[in-house]
């Protein structure tokens, strides 16, 4: 829990307490070093970046560099930027009423300088929490210099001040984050005029407003995010601005299926229904994660746009939701997803993939179906029962057929189950349990895996699937 701010209320009390001011970069560096010594992680809940992204971020903070995160969508760029706030002191003092969080020992705005000069040690101070020292702007083509830097405030002019008076300035978002961290998301979307306006802040650490003869030294860490395709495209971002970012850090997607799944399970918020137990078999969890990995390797999907981890998260939540719907409809106390639930994931996948060939023969639904089939085959080859299903295939060769559907009660899957040698044992081993809902899920996975291995035939009709003789 956050602590209460210190009790000092005037500059004199602060001075008597021995308060020593320090720059923003000194503050960030000292707090990072404390974390490194204690072994506390820099980012909470960020997985897969320990040996790649995190060392680069730590180096940038230690050097006091402004930094930009380059990566496709869904690579935790915004989360990492916002987590940098945790490196700020919990409370810092500021001149009371200051628009830009002026340090009472080193005020930079005209209003704060006047207050300190007139009041001296009696200057009232206020304590600013770390969360209030973070600013963020999503860059859009209509973002103006006035938004980020500032402009003349006509109301202040109307009050009787002259245009040469510094007090007529209305500060933009960047000056208002003085002594803090400011983030510009999607940096290349800023117009060249606005990009030029950032030069002084990133290099000389000051800013100018129109024709005013005023230079305010700002103490701000400017962090940005961008898609590497936009960042490197000619004309999207001007070279001098690139040069002023001392650290460019490349993010990436999870390298393995296990890591993709770990992130999805950490972030997913599946629905909950009182009285219904949700059990998601490991093989279906892996199918959901593997579908996203297949999309990231597919020539049908644009890799410059990327395939976000949010696809895996949304698909996992949808998978659980559909199993819960079936459990409520059939009155079952367990909700266990099945292979027949996977087509319902189209709704949470479509729109998140950008196809490589617009207008080609394949539409988005066809591409998703192919990705899902490849994912199912990959997972089945790894965790399926292997040669243990030979007796199952033999039973189908002798004329057995099995009909399944997403709405079928689990108990119906068990009718005649023991008549197919090895099916119950193989299903129970896969499911990790022998409840009807678990067995039904494992049976579907076995049958679909055998079909994708060209060992069973499959016919789809009217919302049902019939597996039979190959």
Protein backbone atom coordinates (compact mmCIF):
# COMPACT_ATOMS: atom_id res chain seq x y z
CA UNK A 1 0.00 0.00 0.00
CA UNK A 2 1.24 3.54 -0.73
CA UNK A 3 2.55 5.40 2.28
CA UNK A 4 1.45 8.85 3.39
CA UNK A 5 3.45 11.82 2.07
CA UNK A 6 6.14 13.35 4.32
CA UNK A 7 4.89 15.98 6.81
CA UNK A 8 6.92 18.96 5.54
CA UNK A 9 4.73 21.74 4.18
CA UNK A 10 7.15 24.63 3.49
CA UNK A 11 10.48 25.00 1.77
CA UNK A 12 12.06 25.88 5.11
CA UNK A 13 10.82 22.66 6.73
CA UNK A 14 12.10 20.72 3.77
CA UNK A 15 15.50 22.37 3.99
CA UNK A 16 15.71 21.78 7.76
CA UNK A 17 14.92 18.09 7.23
CA UNK A 18 18.01 17.82 5.02
CA UNK A 19 16.14 17.10 1.78
CA UNK A 20 18.58 16.81 -1.12
CA UNK A 21 17.14 17.40 -4.59
CA UNK A 22 18.30 15.21 -7.47
CA UNK A 23 17.57 15.05 -11.16
CA UNK A 24 15.06 12.65 -12.65
CA UNK A 25 17.79 10.50 -14.19
CA UNK A 26 19.70 10.32 -10.90
CA UNK A 27 16.47 9.24 -9.21
CA UNK A 28 15.72 6.53 -11.79
CA UNK A 29 19.31 5.27 -11.74
CA UNK A 30 19.44 5.05 -7.93
CA UNK A 31 16.13 3.23 -7.68
CA UNK A 32 17.09 0.78 -10.45
CA UNK A 33 20.40 0.01 -8.74
CA UNK A 34 18.50 -0.69 -5.52
CA UNK A 35 16.27 -3.16 -7.37
CA UNK A 36 19.22 -4.87 -9.04
CA UNK A 37 20.95 -5.30 -5.68
CA UNK A 38 17.82 -6.72 -4.06
CA UNK A 39 16.99 -9.01 -6.99
CA UNK A 40 13.54 -7.44 -7.41
CA UNK A 41 12.37 -7.61 -11.04
CA UNK A 42 12.16 -4.43 -13.06
CA UNK A 43 8.80 -5.36 -14.61
CA UNK A 44 6.08 -7.38 -12.90
CA UNK A 45 4.22 -9.90 -15.06
CA UNK A 46 6.46 -9.54 -18.13
CA UNK A 47 7.55 -12.97 -19.38
CA UNK A 48 10.11 -13.97 -21.99
CA UNK A 49 12.26 -10.82 -22.02
CA UNK A 50 14.79 -11.70 -19.31
CA UNK A 51 17.70 -12.30 -21.67
CA UNK A 52 16.80 -9.86 -24.44
CA UNK A 53 14.70 -6.78 -23.72
CA UNK A 54 15.22 -6.28 -19.97
CA UNK A 55 19.03 -5.92 -20.07
CA UNK A 56 18.67 -3.26 -22.78
CA UNK A 57 16.09 -1.34 -20.73
CA UNK A 58 18.27 -1.49 -17.62
CA UNK A 59 21.27 -0.21 -19.57
CA UNK A 60 19.23 2.68 -20.97
CA UNK A 61 17.99 3.72 -17.53
CA UNK A 62 21.47 3.50 -16.04
CA UNK A 63 22.76 5.72 -18.86
CA UNK A 64 19.86 8.16 -18.56
CA UNK A 65 18.87 7.60 -22.17
CA UNK A 66 15.55 8.46 -23.76
CA UNK A 67 14.37 5.21 -25.27
CA UNK A 68 12.00 3.89 -27.90
CA UNK A 69 10.43 0.43 -27.95
CA UNK A 70 10.14 -1.05 -31.44
CA UNK A 71 7.84 -4.00 -31.89
CA UNK A 72 4.70 -5.34 -33.50
CA UNK A 73 1.37 -5.12 -31.71
CA UNK A 74 0.82 -7.12 -28.57
CA UNK A 75 4.44 -7.25 -27.37
CA UNK A 76 3.90 -5.52 -23.99
CA UNK A 77 5.48 -2.21 -25.09
CA UNK A 78 2.94 -0.02 -23.31
CA UNK A 79 3.00 -2.17 -20.19
CA UNK A 80 6.78 -1.90 -19.92
CA UNK A 81 6.70 1.86 -20.44
CA UNK A 82 4.07 2.32 -17.74
CA UNK A 83 6.00 0.01 -15.41
CA UNK A 84 8.95 2.43 -15.52
CA UNK A 85 6.88 4.60 -13.18
CA UNK A 86 7.79 2.11 -10.45
CA UNK A 87 11.37 3.43 -10.58
CA UNK A 88 10.25 6.89 -9.47
CA UNK A 89 10.34 7.97 -5.82
CA UNK A 90 7.01 7.45 -4.12
CA UNK A 91 6.72 11.18 -3.28
CA UNK A 92 8.58 14.30 -4.37
CA UNK A 93 8.07 17.92 -3.23
CA UNK A 94 6.86 20.61 -5.64
CA UNK A 95 6.02 24.28 -5.33
CA UNK A 96 2.34 24.40 -4.38
CA UNK A 97 0.18 25.49 -7.30
CA UNK A 98 2.91 24.97 -9.90
CA UNK A 99 1.61 23.91 -13.31
CA UNK A 100 4.70 21.87 -14.11
CA UNK A 101 5.73 20.25 -10.80
CA UNK A 102 8.50 22.78 -10.09
CA UNK A 103 11.27 21.67 -7.75
CA UNK A 104 11.16 24.14 -4.81
CA UNK A 105 14.98 24.18 -4.77
CA UNK A 106 15.31 24.75 -8.52
CA UNK A 107 12.05 26.23 -9.93
CA UNK A 108 12.02 26.75 -13.70
CA UNK A 109 8.61 28.29 -14.51
CA UNK A 110 8.06 32.02 -14.09
CA UNK A 111 5.21 31.57 -11.63
CA UNK A 112 7.18 29.24 -9.35
CA UNK A 113 10.29 31.43 -9.49
CA UNK A 114 8.24 34.43 -8.41
CA UNK A 115 6.66 32.47 -5.56
CA UNK A 116 10.00 31.26 -4.21
CA UNK A 117 11.55 34.72 -4.56
CA UNK A 118 8.69 36.35 -2.67
CA UNK A 119 8.06 33.69 0.01
CA UNK A 120 11.55 32.27 0.60
CA UNK A 121 11.53 29.49 3.20
CA UNK A 122 7.82 30.09 3.73
CA UNK A 123 7.11 28.89 0.17
CA UNK A 124 4.31 26.31 0.47
CA UNK A 125 5.04 22.91 -1.02
CA UNK A 126 2.88 19.96 -2.00
CA UNK A 127 3.84 16.32 -2.38
CA UNK A 128 3.39 14.67 -5.78
CA UNK A 129 2.85 10.91 -6.00
CA UNK A 130 4.78 8.85 -8.52
CA UNK A 131 1.66 7.98 -10.57
CA UNK A 132 0.99 11.70 -11.14
CA UNK A 133 4.42 12.05 -12.75
CA UNK A 134 3.56 9.98 -15.80
CA UNK A 135 2.09 11.40 -19.00
CA UNK A 136 1.06 9.67 -22.20
CA UNK A 137 -0.12 10.68 -25.67
CA UNK A 138 -1.23 8.51 -28.53
CA UNK A 139 0.32 10.13 -31.59
CA UNK A 140 -2.17 10.93 -34.34
CA UNK A 141 -1.80 13.07 -37.47
CA UNK A 142 -3.83 15.85 -35.81
CA UNK A 143 -1.54 16.06 -32.77
CA UNK A 144 -0.22 19.63 -32.68
CA UNK A 145 2.81 21.40 -31.26
CA UNK A 146 0.43 23.14 -28.85
CA UNK A 147 -0.73 19.74 -27.54
CA UNK A 148 2.78 18.58 -26.72
CA UNK A 149 4.74 21.79 -26.11
CA UNK A 150 2.34 24.66 -25.43
CA UNK A 151 0.79 27.83 -26.83
CA UNK A 152 -0.43 31.27 -25.88
CA UNK A 153 -3.44 31.15 -23.55
CA UNK A 154 -5.93 33.77 -24.83
CA UNK A 155 -7.72 33.84 -21.47
CA UNK A 156 -4.52 34.87 -19.70
CA UNK A 157 -3.97 37.58 -22.32
CA UNK A 158 -7.53 38.79 -21.81
CA UNK A 159 -6.83 39.14 -18.10
CA UNK A 160 -4.45 41.97 -18.92
CA UNK A 161 -1.08 40.31 -19.41
CA UNK A 162 1.00 41.22 -22.46
CA UNK A 163 2.10 38.73 -25.08
CA UNK A 164 5.69 39.16 -23.93
CA UNK A 165 4.78 37.91 -20.46
CA UNK A 166 5.87 34.32 -19.91
CA UNK A 167 2.84 33.81 -17.68
CA UNK A 168 0.57 33.87 -20.73
CA UNK A 169 1.94 30.47 -21.84
CA UNK A 170 -0.37 27.47 -21.63
CA UNK A 171 1.94 24.50 -21.10
CA UNK A 172 1.48 21.37 -23.19
CA UNK A 173 1.65 17.77 -22.07
CA UNK A 174 5.43 17.49 -22.10
CA UNK A 175 6.19 20.48 -19.82
CA UNK A 176 3.43 19.34 -17.49
CA UNK A 177 5.38 16.08 -17.07
CA UNK A 178 8.48 17.98 -15.86
CA UNK A 179 10.38 15.71 -13.42
CA UNK A 180 8.52 12.68 -14.76
CA UNK A 181 8.18 10.18 -17.60
CA UNK A 182 6.32 11.03 -20.80
CA UNK A 183 5.32 8.41 -23.37
CA UNK A 184 4.47 8.97 -27.04
CA UNK A 185 2.75 5.91 -28.47
CA UNK A 186 3.01 5.29 -32.24
CA UNK A 187 5.67 7.98 -32.67
CA UNK A 188 5.85 7.84 -36.52
CA UNK A 189 2.26 9.10 -36.75
CA UNK A 190 3.38 12.58 -35.64
CA UNK A 191 3.69 15.10 -38.47
CA UNK A 192 7.18 16.32 -39.34
CA UNK A 193 6.42 19.73 -37.85
CA UNK A 194 5.67 18.18 -34.46
CA UNK A 195 8.68 15.88 -34.70
CA UNK A 196 10.93 18.91 -35.19
CA UNK A 197 9.41 20.51 -32.09
CA UNK A 198 10.74 17.58 -30.03
CA UNK A 199 14.37 18.22 -30.97
CA UNK A 200 15.21 20.61 -28.16
CA UNK A 201 13.48 18.57 -25.49
CA UNK A 202 15.37 15.41 -26.43
CA UNK A 203 18.79 17.04 -26.85
CA UNK A 204 19.07 20.43 -25.13
CA UNK A 205 16.46 19.53 -22.51
CA UNK A 206 14.51 22.75 -22.94
CA UNK A 207 11.63 24.02 -25.03
CA UNK A 208 10.47 27.19 -26.72
CA UNK A 209 6.97 28.48 -27.43
CA UNK A 210 6.44 30.52 -30.58
CA UNK A 211 8.28 33.85 -30.40
CA UNK A 212 8.86 33.95 -26.65
CA UNK A 213 12.38 34.58 -25.48
CA UNK A 214 12.10 31.90 -22.86
CA UNK A 215 13.94 28.61 -22.48
CA UNK A 216 12.68 26.34 -19.73
CA UNK A 217 15.09 23.50 -18.85
CA UNK A 218 12.87 20.44 -18.59
CA UNK A 219 13.80 17.32 -16.65
CA UNK A 220 11.76 14.65 -18.38
CA UNK A 221 12.38 11.15 -19.73
CA UNK A 222 10.75 10.86 -23.16
CA UNK A 223 9.84 7.27 -24.04
CA UNK A 224 8.16 6.22 -27.27
CA UNK A 225 6.75 3.15 -28.98
CA UNK A 226 6.46 2.30 -32.66
CA UNK A 227 6.01 -0.55 -35.09
CA UNK A 228 9.43 -1.19 -36.68
CA UNK A 229 7.88 -1.20 -40.14
CA UNK A 230 6.55 2.33 -39.62
CA UNK A 231 9.68 3.48 -37.84
CA UNK A 232 12.04 2.49 -40.64
CA UNK A 233 9.85 3.43 -43.60
CA UNK A 234 11.25 6.39 -45.41
CA UNK A 235 9.40 9.60 -44.64
CA UNK A 236 7.54 8.30 -41.60
CA UNK A 237 9.99 9.67 -39.04
CA UNK A 238 12.72 12.20 -39.67
CA UNK A 239 16.32 11.12 -39.22
CA UNK A 240 17.36 13.81 -36.69
CA UNK A 241 14.63 12.64 -34.31
CA UNK A 242 15.81 9.02 -34.63
CA UNK A 243 19.30 10.19 -33.81
CA UNK A 244 18.14 11.85 -30.60
CA UNK A 245 16.77 8.60 -29.17
CA UNK A 246 19.87 7.12 -27.57
CA UNK A 247 18.33 3.68 -27.02
CA UNK A 248 16.18 1.72 -29.48
CA UNK A 249 14.96 -1.52 -27.93
CA UNK A 250 13.46 -4.28 -30.07
CA UNK A 251 10.69 -6.33 -28.47
CA UNK A 252 9.51 -9.72 -29.74
CA UNK A 253 6.82 -12.35 -29.42
CA UNK A 254 7.18 -15.40 -27.11
CA UNK A 255 9.74 -17.77 -28.55
CA UNK A 256 8.00 -21.00 -27.50
CA UNK A 257 4.52 -22.41 -27.15
CA UNK A 258 4.97 -22.89 -23.41
CA UNK A 259 5.85 -19.21 -22.99
CA UNK A 260 2.92 -18.09 -25.16
CA UNK A 261 0.60 -20.22 -23.06
CA UNK A 262 2.08 -19.00 -19.76
CA UNK A 263 1.40 -15.40 -20.78
CA UNK A 264 -2.15 -16.22 -21.91
CA UNK A 265 -2.97 -18.04 -18.67
CA UNK A 266 -1.55 -15.14 -16.67
CA UNK A 267 -3.53 -12.49 -18.54
CA UNK A 268 -6.78 -14.28 -19.41
CA UNK A 269 -9.92 -13.52 -17.44
CA UNK A 270 -12.26 -16.36 -18.43
CA UNK A 271 -15.89 -16.26 -17.27
CA UNK A 272 -16.89 -17.94 -14.05
CA UNK A 273 -20.23 -19.58 -13.23
CA UNK A 274 -21.03 -20.56 -9.68
CA UNK A 275 -21.55 -24.28 -9.33
CA UNK A 276 -19.75 -25.19 -12.55
CA UNK A 277 -16.14 -26.38 -12.40
CA UNK A 278 -13.99 -25.37 -15.37
CA UNK A 279 -11.27 -27.79 -16.47
CA UNK A 280 -9.28 -26.98 -19.59
CA UNK A 281 -7.21 -29.95 -20.76
CA UNK A 282 -3.56 -29.20 -21.37
CA UNK A 283 -3.77 -30.42 -24.97
CA UNK A 284 -6.46 -27.83 -25.79
CA UNK A 285 -4.53 -25.07 -24.04
CA UNK A 286 -1.60 -25.94 -26.26
CA UNK A 287 -3.78 -25.99 -29.38
CA UNK A 288 -4.92 -22.42 -28.63
CA UNK A 289 -1.32 -21.24 -28.17
CA UNK A 290 -0.03 -23.20 -31.16
CA UNK A 291 -2.68 -21.65 -33.43
CA UNK A 292 -1.19 -18.22 -32.75
CA UNK A 293 2.34 -19.52 -33.35
CA UNK A 294 1.20 -21.05 -36.64
CA UNK A 295 -0.22 -17.66 -37.65
CA UNK A 296 3.15 -16.02 -36.98
CA UNK A 297 4.78 -18.44 -39.39
CA UNK A 298 2.06 -18.49 -42.02
CA UNK A 299 2.74 -16.97 -45.46
CA UNK A 300 -0.97 -16.09 -45.60
CA UNK A 301 -0.65 -13.69 -42.63
CA UNK A 302 1.19 -10.37 -42.75
CA UNK A 303 4.19 -10.69 -40.45
CA UNK A 304 5.00 -6.97 -40.61
CA UNK A 305 1.67 -6.30 -38.91
CA UNK A 306 2.25 -9.09 -36.41
CA UNK A 307 -0.05 -11.48 -34.54
CA UNK A 308 -0.63 -10.26 -31.01
CA UNK A 309 -0.55 -12.38 -27.86
CA UNK A 310 -4.02 -10.90 -27.36
CA UNK A 311 -5.22 -13.43 -29.98
CA UNK A 312 -4.23 -16.30 -27.67
CA UNK A 313 -5.75 -14.60 -24.63
CA UNK A 314 -9.08 -13.87 -26.34
CA UNK A 315 -9.27 -17.37 -27.83
CA UNK A 316 -8.65 -19.01 -24.47
CA UNK A 317 -11.40 -16.95 -22.85
CA UNK A 318 -13.82 -17.78 -25.69
CA UNK A 319 -13.00 -21.48 -25.44
CA UNK A 320 -13.93 -21.50 -21.74
CA UNK A 321 -17.08 -19.47 -22.41
CA UNK A 322 -18.38 -21.94 -24.97
CA UNK A 323 -17.74 -24.88 -22.63
CA UNK A 324 -19.65 -23.06 -19.90
CA UNK A 325 -22.59 -22.45 -22.25
CA UNK A 326 -22.77 -26.16 -23.02
CA UNK A 327 -22.51 -27.13 -19.34
CA UNK A 328 -25.40 -24.82 -18.47
CA UNK A 329 -27.50 -26.12 -21.37
CA UNK A 330 -26.91 -29.79 -20.50
CA UNK A 331 -27.02 -29.36 -16.73
CA UNK A 332 -23.48 -30.66 -16.23
CA UNK A 333 -21.38 -29.62 -13.26
CA UNK A 334 -18.13 -29.63 -15.24
CA UNK A 335 -17.27 -27.41 -18.19
CA UNK A 336 -14.51 -29.04 -20.23
CA UNK A 337 -13.75 -27.58 -23.68
CA UNK A 338 -13.67 -29.87 -26.71
CA UNK A 339 -12.27 -29.78 -30.23
CA UNK A 340 -15.80 -29.06 -31.48
CA UNK A 341 -15.66 -25.77 -29.52
CA UNK A 342 -12.69 -24.51 -31.55
CA UNK A 343 -14.73 -23.16 -34.53
CA UNK A 344 -16.38 -20.74 -32.10
CA UNK A 345 -12.96 -19.13 -31.69
CA UNK A 346 -13.33 -17.60 -35.17
CA UNK A 347 -15.18 -14.69 -33.56
CA UNK A 348 -12.23 -13.88 -31.28
CA UNK A 349 -9.63 -14.41 -34.03
CA UNK A 350 -11.12 -12.65 -37.03
CA UNK A 351 -10.07 -9.04 -37.31
CA UNK A 352 -6.83 -9.69 -35.45
CA UNK A 353 -5.05 -11.19 -38.46
CA UNK A 354 -4.02 -9.12 -41.45
CA UNK A 355 -3.91 -11.32 -44.53
CA UNK A 356 -0.91 -11.07 -46.81
CA UNK A 357 -2.87 -11.31 -50.05
CA UNK A 358 -6.00 -9.17 -49.95
CA UNK A 359 -8.64 -10.44 -52.33
CA UNK A 360 -6.96 -13.81 -52.87
CA UNK A 361 -8.85 -17.09 -53.08
CA UNK A 362 -8.60 -17.68 -49.32
CA UNK A 363 -10.74 -15.61 -47.02
CA UNK A 364 -9.99 -15.05 -43.35
CA UNK A 365 -12.17 -17.94 -42.17
CA UNK A 366 -10.35 -20.37 -44.49
CA UNK A 367 -6.95 -19.20 -43.23
CA UNK A 368 -8.01 -19.56 -39.59
CA UNK A 369 -9.37 -23.06 -40.22
CA UNK A 370 -6.06 -24.11 -41.79
CA UNK A 371 -4.08 -22.63 -38.90
CA UNK A 372 -6.25 -24.49 -36.42
CA UNK A 373 -5.81 -27.80 -38.26
CA UNK A 374 -2.04 -27.40 -38.35
CA UNK A 375 -2.03 -26.57 -34.64
CA UNK A 376 -4.15 -29.61 -33.79
CA UNK A 377 -1.88 -31.89 -35.82
CA UNK A 378 1.26 -30.48 -34.19
CA UNK A 379 -0.08 -30.95 -30.67
CA UNK A 380 -1.49 -34.41 -31.44
CA UNK A 381 1.84 -35.58 -32.83
CA UNK A 382 3.51 -34.51 -29.59
CA UNK A 383 1.06 -35.69 -26.94
CA UNK A 384 -1.18 -38.20 -28.67
CA UNK A 385 -1.05 -41.87 -27.62
CA UNK A 386 0.94 -42.88 -30.71
CA UNK A 387 0.77 -46.55 -31.58
CA UNK A 388 -1.63 -47.10 -28.68
CA UNK A 389 -4.51 -46.08 -30.95
CA UNK A 390 -3.99 -48.91 -33.42
CA UNK A 391 -6.87 -50.84 -31.89
CA UNK A 392 -9.09 -47.75 -32.17
CA UNK A 393 -8.35 -47.43 -35.88
CA UNK A 394 -8.98 -51.13 -36.33
CA UNK A 395 -12.43 -50.80 -34.73
CA UNK A 396 -13.35 -48.04 -37.18
CA UNK A 397 -12.08 -50.16 -40.07
CA UNK A 398 -14.59 -52.79 -38.98
CA UNK A 399 -17.46 -50.32 -39.40
CA UNK A 400 -17.65 -48.18 -36.26
CA UNK A 401 -18.83 -44.57 -36.59
CA UNK A 402 -18.82 -41.88 -33.91
CA UNK A 403 -20.89 -38.71 -34.05
CA UNK A 404 -19.87 -35.64 -32.00
CA UNK A 405 -21.00 -32.05 -31.68
CA UNK A 406 -20.40 -29.01 -29.50
CA UNK A 407 -23.89 -29.28 -27.98
CA UNK A 408 -23.90 -33.02 -27.25
CA UNK A 409 -24.06 -34.02 -23.55
CA UNK A 410 -20.89 -35.66 -22.30
CA UNK A 411 -22.67 -38.85 -21.24
CA UNK A 412 -23.58 -39.66 -24.86
CA UNK A 413 -19.86 -39.96 -25.69
CA UNK A 414 -19.58 -42.88 -23.29
CA UNK A 415 -22.24 -45.01 -24.99
CA UNK A 416 -20.42 -47.93 -26.52
CA UNK A 417 -17.09 -46.52 -25.42
CA UNK A 418 -15.81 -49.81 -24.06
CA UNK A 419 -16.70 -51.56 -27.29
CA UNK A 420 -13.76 -49.81 -28.97
CA UNK A 421 -10.63 -51.35 -27.41
CA UNK A 422 -8.15 -48.85 -26.01
CA UNK A 423 -10.36 -45.77 -26.48
CA UNK A 424 -11.28 -45.30 -22.81
CA UNK A 425 -7.72 -45.85 -21.62
CA UNK A 426 -6.23 -43.49 -24.18
CA UNK A 427 -8.86 -40.82 -23.47
CA UNK A 428 -8.41 -41.02 -19.70
CA UNK A 429 -4.64 -40.75 -19.99
CA UNK A 430 -4.96 -37.66 -22.16
CA UNK A 431 -7.65 -36.00 -20.05
CA UNK A 432 -5.99 -36.60 -16.70
CA UNK A 433 -9.32 -37.79 -15.33
CA UNK A 434 -12.26 -40.05 -16.11
CA UNK A 435 -15.30 -37.82 -15.62
CA UNK A 436 -17.73 -37.86 -18.55
CA UNK A 437 -16.84 -34.28 -19.56
CA UNK A 438 -13.12 -34.99 -19.48
CA UNK A 439 -13.47 -38.22 -21.44
CA UNK A 440 -15.67 -36.52 -24.04
CA UNK A 441 -13.03 -33.85 -24.60
CA UNK A 442 -10.22 -36.37 -24.93
CA UNK A 443 -12.24 -38.60 -27.28
CA UNK A 444 -12.82 -35.69 -29.64
CA UNK A 445 -9.13 -34.80 -29.57
CA UNK A 446 -8.12 -38.40 -30.33
CA UNK A 447 -10.59 -38.71 -33.19
CA UNK A 448 -9.63 -35.37 -34.73
CA UNK A 449 -5.95 -36.19 -34.39
CA UNK A 450 -6.45 -39.52 -36.15
CA UNK A 451 -8.37 -37.77 -38.91
CA UNK A 452 -5.61 -35.19 -39.41
CA UNK A 453 -3.13 -38.09 -39.52
CA UNK A 454 -5.19 -39.58 -42.39
CA UNK A 455 -6.22 -42.57 -40.32
CA UNK A 456 -9.92 -41.73 -39.96
CA UNK A 457 -12.50 -40.22 -42.26
CA UNK A 458 -14.50 -37.16 -41.19
CA UNK A 459 -17.85 -35.88 -42.47
CA UNK A 460 -19.38 -32.61 -41.27
CA UNK A 461 -23.13 -32.03 -41.54
CA UNK A 462 -25.72 -29.87 -39.78
CA UNK A 463 -23.44 -28.87 -36.90
CA UNK A 464 -22.29 -32.43 -36.19
CA UNK A 465 -19.16 -34.35 -37.14
CA UNK A 466 -19.07 -38.07 -37.96
CA UNK A 467 -15.78 -39.95 -37.74
CA UNK A 468 -15.69 -43.28 -39.53
CA UNK A 469 -13.86 -45.74 -41.73
CA UNK A 470 -10.83 -44.23 -43.50
